[in-house]
Amino acid sequence: MPEAVIPTRKRIVDAATKLFYAEGIGRVSVDAVAEKAGLTKRTLYYHFKSKDDLIAAYLDGRDQPNLRQMAGWFDAAEGGADRKVEAIFSNLARVARHPKWKGCGFLRTAAELASMPGHPAVKVGSRHKSNFEAWLAGALSDHGVEEPQAVAREIVLLIDGSFSIMLIHRNPDYIEAAGRAAATLVRARSQNRG
């Protein structure tokens, strides 16, 4: 879509997404976002009352695409719930091998805002993680996994833990190991154990 046709607010969020994910929210100025969007800072502030609102919009824009991607990996995988859950991790490992991968934008943003728990972006991140956990619990329940809410929470811990350790070691093997652990958890609570 040509730049002139893209709505201004979307241009701003797209520019912010690229910059915030690549460099972190603290290192990117509103001036840099406006420049990347090809707009004035005044225009940016017409659409967003503060940088905090822009940061929240950046994460909000990642929410549904990320959830759809995870659900797609789960649905596309063959086998039982254990294999479907492991496929999420395998695909995350594949994505993490890309040179531009910088980790989970939600976790990185929350870490930068750790001293500001009421920040709008932290609330968006919390909602995203809760939505993923609720979706996963439903998917596990549909596949006959006992205590699906508890298993979903354990899997979220494995995903986010592997994201964190990946930022330190830059080794996707951690995500794959977490995937094997998640599959083991699912098998242990499967109603159709043989």
C-alpha atoms as a PDB file:
ATOM      1  CA  MET A   1       0.000   0.000   0.000  1.00  0.00           C
ATOM      2  CA  PRO A   2       1.498   3.400  -0.953  1.00  0.00           C
ATOM      3  CA  GLU A   3       2.484   5.573   1.995  1.00  0.00           C
ATOM      4  CA  ALA A   4      -0.109   8.268   1.188  1.00  0.00           C
ATOM      5  CA  VAL A   5      -2.933   5.687   1.336  1.00  0.00           C
ATOM      6  CA  ILE A   6      -1.924   4.212   4.692  1.00  0.00           C
ATOM      7  CA  PRO A   7      -3.840   5.932   7.503  1.00  0.00           C
ATOM      8  CA  THR A   8      -1.623   8.227   9.552  1.00  0.00           C
ATOM      9  CA  ARG A   9      -2.194   6.439  12.869  1.00  0.00           C
ATOM     10  CA  LYS A  10      -1.209   3.108  11.294  1.00  0.00           C
ATOM     11  CA  ARG A  11       1.931   4.662   9.781  1.00  0.00           C
ATOM     12  CA  ILE A  12       2.925   5.892  13.219  1.00  0.00           C
ATOM     13  CA  VAL A  13       2.292   2.525  14.898  1.00  0.00           C
ATOM     14  CA  ASP A  14       4.133   0.674  12.115  1.00  0.00           C
ATOM     15  CA  ALA A  15       7.139   2.965  12.496  1.00  0.00           C
ATOM     16  CA  ALA A  16       7.061   2.654  16.286  1.00  0.00           C
ATOM     17  CA  THR A  17       6.796  -1.138  16.035  1.00  0.00           C
ATOM     18  CA  LYS A  18       9.918  -1.380  13.899  1.00  0.00           C
ATOM     19  CA  LEU A  19      11.925   0.959  16.095  1.00  0.00           C
ATOM     20  CA  PHE A  20      10.698  -0.192  19.517  1.00  0.00           C
ATOM     21  CA  TYR A  21      11.224  -3.872  18.709  1.00  0.00           C
ATOM     22  CA  ALA A  22      14.669  -3.310  17.193  1.00  0.00           C
ATOM     23  CA  GLU A  23      16.038  -0.875  19.772  1.00  0.00           C
ATOM     24  CA  GLY A  24      13.805  -0.948  22.860  1.00  0.00           C
ATOM     25  CA  ILE A  25      11.281   1.623  23.999  1.00  0.00           C
ATOM     26  CA  GLY A  26      13.714   3.624  26.123  1.00  0.00           C
ATOM     27  CA  ARG A  27      16.211   4.147  23.315  1.00  0.00           C
ATOM     28  CA  VAL A  28      13.704   5.383  20.746  1.00  0.00           C
ATOM     29  CA  SER A  29      12.527   8.981  20.848  1.00  0.00           C
ATOM     30  CA  VAL A  30       9.218  10.327  19.631  1.00  0.00           C
ATOM     31  CA  ASP A  31      11.243  12.338  17.115  1.00  0.00           C
ATOM     32  CA  ALA A  32      12.708   9.128  15.699  1.00  0.00           C
ATOM     33  CA  VAL A  33       9.251   7.561  15.364  1.00  0.00           C
ATOM     34  CA  ALA A  34       7.878  10.659  13.621  1.00  0.00           C
ATOM     35  CA  GLU A  35      10.842  10.714  11.251  1.00  0.00           C
ATOM     36  CA  LYS A  36      10.492   7.002  10.459  1.00  0.00           C
ATOM     37  CA  ALA A  37       6.761   7.531   9.783  1.00  0.00           C
ATOM     38  CA  GLY A  38       7.557  10.503   7.542  1.00  0.00           C
ATOM     39  CA  LEU A  39       5.508  12.866   9.701  1.00  0.00           C
ATOM     40  CA  THR A  40       6.026  15.764  12.050  1.00  0.00           C
ATOM     41  CA  LYS A  41       6.192  15.298  15.778  1.00  0.00           C
ATOM     42  CA  ARG A  42       3.117  17.522  16.032  1.00  0.00           C
ATOM     43  CA  THR A  43       1.184  15.113  13.802  1.00  0.00           C
ATOM     44  CA  LEU A  44       2.281  12.197  15.962  1.00  0.00           C
ATOM     45  CA  TYR A  45       1.030  13.967  19.081  1.00  0.00           C
ATOM     46  CA  TYR A  46      -2.254  14.697  17.340  1.00  0.00           C
ATOM     47  CA  HIS A  47      -2.817  10.916  17.164  1.00  0.00           C
ATOM     48  CA  PHE A  48      -1.175   9.918  20.477  1.00  0.00           C
ATOM     49  CA  LYS A  49      -1.316  12.064  23.593  1.00  0.00           C
ATOM     50  CA  SER A  50       2.020  10.671  24.874  1.00  0.00           C
ATOM     51  CA  LYS A  51       4.857   8.295  24.143  1.00  0.00           C
ATOM     52  CA  ASP A  52       3.313   5.994  26.747  1.00  0.00           C
ATOM     53  CA  ASP A  53       0.134   5.732  24.660  1.00  0.00           C
ATOM     54  CA  LEU A  54       2.233   5.018  21.572  1.00  0.00           C
ATOM     55  CA  ILE A  55       4.091   2.239  23.396  1.00  0.00           C
ATOM     56  CA  ALA A  56       0.766   0.703  24.432  1.00  0.00           C
ATOM     57  CA  ALA A  57      -0.488   0.923  20.823  1.00  0.00           C
ATOM     58  CA  TYR A  58       2.713  -0.802  19.619  1.00  0.00           C
ATOM     59  CA  LEU A  59       2.068  -3.783  21.897  1.00  0.00           C
ATOM     60  CA  ASP A  60      -1.660  -3.791  21.260  1.00  0.00           C
ATOM     61  CA  GLY A  61      -0.905  -4.088  17.554  1.00  0.00           C
ATOM     62  CA  ARG A  62       1.169  -7.216  18.208  1.00  0.00           C
ATOM     63  CA  ASP A  63      -1.461  -8.924  20.385  1.00  0.00           C
ATOM     64  CA  GLN A  64      -3.823 -10.583  17.911  1.00  0.00           C
ATOM     65  CA  PRO A  65      -1.208 -11.390  15.241  1.00  0.00           C
ATOM     66  CA  ASN A  66       0.923 -13.155  17.856  1.00  0.00           C
ATOM     67  CA  LEU A  67      -2.070 -15.084  19.234  1.00  0.00           C
ATOM     68  CA  ARG A  68      -3.154 -16.108  15.708  1.00  0.00           C
ATOM     69  CA  GLN A  69       0.362 -17.256  14.896  1.00  0.00           C
ATOM     70  CA  MET A  70       0.608 -19.450  17.999  1.00  0.00           C
ATOM     71  CA  ALA A  71      -2.870 -20.902  17.381  1.00  0.00           C
ATOM     72  CA  GLY A  72      -1.938 -21.558  13.760  1.00  0.00           C
ATOM     73  CA  TRP A  73       1.171 -23.495  14.756  1.00  0.00           C
ATOM     74  CA  PHE A  74      -0.858 -25.503  17.257  1.00  0.00           C
ATOM     75  CA  ASP A  75      -3.635 -26.276  14.765  1.00  0.00           C
ATOM     76  CA  ALA A  76      -1.261 -27.176  11.914  1.00  0.00           C
ATOM     77  CA  ALA A  77       0.753 -29.690  13.937  1.00  0.00           C
ATOM     78  CA  GLU A  78      -0.120 -33.341  13.575  1.00  0.00           C
ATOM     79  CA  GLY A  79      -0.611 -35.613  16.557  1.00  0.00           C
ATOM     80  CA  GLY A  80      -2.026 -35.136  19.997  1.00  0.00           C
ATOM     81  CA  ALA A  81      -2.001 -32.086  22.228  1.00  0.00           C
ATOM     82  CA  ASP A  82       1.555 -32.861  23.346  1.00  0.00           C
ATOM     83  CA  ARG A  83       2.861 -32.631  19.760  1.00  0.00           C
ATOM     84  CA  LYS A  84       0.762 -29.547  19.066  1.00  0.00           C
ATOM     85  CA  VAL A  85       2.179 -27.748  22.107  1.00  0.00           C
ATOM     86  CA  GLU A  86       5.704 -28.821  21.205  1.00  0.00           C
ATOM     87  CA  ALA A  87       5.127 -27.397  17.707  1.00  0.00           C
ATOM     88  CA  ILE A  88       4.601 -23.945  19.210  1.00  0.00           C
ATOM     89  CA  PHE A  89       8.043 -24.160  20.790  1.00  0.00           C
ATOM     90  CA  SER A  90       9.657 -25.610  17.645  1.00  0.00           C
ATOM     91  CA  ASN A  91       8.291 -22.739  15.612  1.00  0.00           C
ATOM     92  CA  LEU A  92       9.432 -20.224  18.220  1.00  0.00           C
ATOM     93  CA  ALA A  93      12.922 -21.742  17.999  1.00  0.00           C
ATOM     94  CA  ARG A  94      12.827 -21.373  14.204  1.00  0.00           C
ATOM     95  CA  VAL A  95      11.788 -17.723  14.522  1.00  0.00           C
ATOM     96  CA  ALA A  96      14.471 -17.129  17.179  1.00  0.00           C
ATOM     97  CA  ARG A  97      17.145 -18.259  14.746  1.00  0.00           C
ATOM     98  CA  HIS A  98      16.419 -15.247  12.534  1.00  0.00           C
ATOM     99  CA  PRO A  99      19.114 -12.585  12.958  1.00  0.00           C
ATOM    100  CA  LYS A 100      16.529  -9.839  13.606  1.00  0.00           C
ATOM    101  CA  TRP A 101      14.846 -11.748  16.460  1.00  0.00           C
ATOM    102  CA  LYS A 102      15.045  -9.709  19.664  1.00  0.00           C
ATOM    103  CA  GLY A 103      12.867 -11.780  21.973  1.00  0.00           C
ATOM    104  CA  CYS A 104       9.317 -11.261  23.119  1.00  0.00           C
ATOM    105  CA  GLY A 105       8.344  -7.617  22.676  1.00  0.00           C
ATOM    106  CA  PHE A 106       5.853  -7.891  25.526  1.00  0.00           C
ATOM    107  CA  LEU A 107       8.472  -9.168  27.988  1.00  0.00           C
ATOM    108  CA  ARG A 108      11.154  -6.741  26.856  1.00  0.00           C
ATOM    109  CA  THR A 109       8.767  -3.815  27.239  1.00  0.00           C
ATOM    110  CA  ALA A 110       7.618  -5.009  30.672  1.00  0.00           C
ATOM    111  CA  ALA A 111      11.252  -5.293  31.748  1.00  0.00           C
ATOM    112  CA  GLU A 112      11.945  -1.736  30.647  1.00  0.00           C
ATOM    113  CA  LEU A 113       8.862  -0.586  32.557  1.00  0.00           C
ATOM    114  CA  ALA A 114       9.408  -2.752  35.650  1.00  0.00           C
ATOM    115  CA  SER A 115       9.231   0.250  37.967  1.00  0.00           C
ATOM    116  CA  MET A 116       5.942   1.378  36.394  1.00  0.00           C
ATOM    117  CA  PRO A 117       3.419  -1.473  36.912  1.00  0.00           C
ATOM    118  CA  GLY A 118       0.456   0.783  36.063  1.00  0.00           C
ATOM    119  CA  HIS A 119       1.871   1.823  32.684  1.00  0.00           C
ATOM    120  CA  PRO A 120      -0.644   1.297  29.847  1.00  0.00           C
ATOM    121  CA  ALA A 121       1.816  -0.903  27.943  1.00  0.00           C
ATOM    122  CA  VAL A 122       2.296  -3.176  30.961  1.00  0.00           C
ATOM    123  CA  LYS A 123      -1.479  -3.592  31.090  1.00  0.00           C
ATOM    124  CA  VAL A 124      -1.537  -4.482  27.374  1.00  0.00           C
ATOM    125  CA  GLY A 125       1.244  -7.023  27.936  1.00  0.00           C
ATOM    126  CA  SER A 126      -0.570  -8.541  30.890  1.00  0.00           C
ATOM    127  CA  ARG A 127      -3.761  -8.833  28.855  1.00  0.00           C
ATOM    128  CA  HIS A 128      -1.856 -10.480  25.987  1.00  0.00           C
ATOM    129  CA  LYS A 129      -0.247 -13.074  28.245  1.00  0.00           C
ATOM    130  CA  SER A 130      -3.592 -13.777  29.940  1.00  0.00           C
ATOM    131  CA  ASN A 131      -5.324 -14.124  26.559  1.00  0.00           C
ATOM    132  CA  PHE A 132      -2.711 -16.590  25.357  1.00  0.00           C
ATOM    133  CA  GLU A 133      -2.979 -18.613  28.564  1.00  0.00           C
ATOM    134  CA  ALA A 134      -6.795 -18.684  28.309  1.00  0.00           C
ATOM    135  CA  TRP A 135      -6.681 -19.701  24.632  1.00  0.00           C
ATOM    136  CA  LEU A 136      -4.166 -22.457  25.411  1.00  0.00           C
ATOM    137  CA  ALA A 137      -6.254 -23.764  28.326  1.00  0.00           C
ATOM    138  CA  GLY A 138      -9.252 -23.994  25.996  1.00  0.00           C
ATOM    139  CA  ALA A 139      -7.259 -25.767  23.305  1.00  0.00           C
ATOM    140  CA  LEU A 140      -5.869 -28.237  25.853  1.00  0.00           C
ATOM    141  CA  SER A 141      -9.348 -28.860  27.246  1.00  0.00           C
ATOM    142  CA  ASP A 142     -10.637 -29.537  23.730  1.00  0.00           C
ATOM    143  CA  HIS A 143      -7.905 -32.182  23.395  1.00  0.00           C
ATOM    144  CA  GLY A 144      -8.818 -33.955  26.633  1.00  0.00           C
ATOM    145  CA  VAL A 145      -5.994 -32.650  28.832  1.00  0.00           C
ATOM    146  CA  GLU A 146      -6.807 -32.766  32.546  1.00  0.00           C
ATOM    147  CA  GLU A 147      -6.454 -29.532  34.548  1.00  0.00           C
ATOM    148  CA  PRO A 148      -6.013 -27.488  31.367  1.00  0.00           C
ATOM    149  CA  GLN A 149      -5.737 -24.144  33.198  1.00  0.00           C
ATOM    150  CA  ALA A 150      -2.880 -25.416  35.352  1.00  0.00           C
ATOM    151  CA  VAL A 151      -1.086 -26.976  32.381  1.00  0.00           C
ATOM    152  CA  ALA A 152      -1.534 -23.803  30.323  1.00  0.00           C
ATOM    153  CA  ARG A 153       0.012 -21.743  33.118  1.00  0.00           C
ATOM    154  CA  GLU A 154       2.971 -24.145  33.350  1.00  0.00           C
ATOM    155  CA  ILE A 155       3.465 -23.909  29.588  1.00  0.00           C
ATOM    156  CA  VAL A 156       3.379 -20.102  29.717  1.00  0.00           C
ATOM    157  CA  LEU A 157       6.105 -20.264  32.359  1.00  0.00           C
ATOM    158  CA  LEU A 158       8.175 -22.485  30.061  1.00  0.00           C
ATOM    159  CA  ILE A 159       7.670 -20.184  27.073  1.00  0.00           C
ATOM    160  CA  ASP A 160       8.469 -16.976  28.912  1.00  0.00           C
ATOM    161  CA  GLY A 161      11.345 -18.582  30.786  1.00  0.00           C
ATOM    162  CA  SER A 162      12.844 -19.794  27.541  1.00  0.00           C
ATOM    163  CA  PHE A 163      12.408 -16.324  26.023  1.00  0.00           C
ATOM    164  CA  SER A 164      14.298 -14.842  28.963  1.00  0.00           C
ATOM    165  CA  ILE A 165      17.180 -17.287  28.837  1.00  0.00           C
ATOM    166  CA  MET A 166      17.351 -16.857  25.068  1.00  0.00           C
ATOM    167  CA  LEU A 167      18.022 -13.157  25.523  1.00  0.00           C
ATOM    168  CA  ILE A 168      21.030 -14.100  27.622  1.00  0.00           C
ATOM    169  CA  HIS A 169      22.456 -17.044  25.661  1.00  0.00           C
ATOM    170  CA  ARG A 170      21.083 -16.435  22.145  1.00  0.00           C
ATOM    171  CA  ASN A 171      20.651 -20.187  21.806  1.00  0.00           C
ATOM    172  CA  PRO A 172      17.290 -21.509  20.499  1.00  0.00           C
ATOM    173  CA  ASP A 173      18.097 -24.928  21.955  1.00  0.00           C
ATOM    174  CA  TYR A 174      16.608 -23.607  25.208  1.00  0.00           C
ATOM    175  CA  ILE A 175      13.235 -23.060  23.543  1.00  0.00           C
ATOM    176  CA  GLU A 176      13.337 -26.566  22.072  1.00  0.00           C
ATOM    177  CA  ALA A 177      14.197 -28.039  25.492  1.00  0.00           C
ATOM    178  CA  ALA A 178      11.283 -26.120  26.994  1.00  0.00           C
ATOM    179  CA  GLY A 179       9.058 -27.554  24.244  1.00  0.00           C
ATOM    180  CA  ARG A 180      10.024 -31.086  25.174  1.00  0.00           C
ATOM    181  CA  ALA A 181       9.270 -30.309  28.825  1.00  0.00           C
ATOM    182  CA  ALA A 182       5.888 -28.836  27.838  1.00  0.00           C
ATOM    183  CA  ALA A 183       5.038 -31.943  25.799  1.00  0.00           C
ATOM    184  CA  THR A 184       5.914 -34.097  28.814  1.00  0.00           C
ATOM    185  CA  LEU A 185       3.592 -32.019  31.017  1.00  0.00           C
ATOM    186  CA  VAL A 186       0.759 -32.426  28.525  1.00  0.00           C
ATOM    187  CA  ARG A 187       1.283 -36.196  28.208  1.00  0.00           C
ATOM    188  CA  ALA A 188       1.277 -36.551  32.007  1.00  0.00           C
ATOM    189  CA  ARG A 189      -2.165 -34.944  32.161  1.00  0.00           C
ATOM    190  CA  SER A 190      -3.646 -36.488  29.067  1.00  0.00           C
ATOM    191  CA  GLN A 191      -6.948 -38.340  29.620  1.00  0.00           C
ATOM    192  CA  ASN A 192      -6.111 -40.794  26.871  1.00  0.00           C
ATOM    193  CA  ARG A 193      -2.899 -42.122  28.359  1.00  0.00           C
ATOM    194  CA  GLY A 194      -2.217 -45.560  27.039  1.00  0.00           C
END
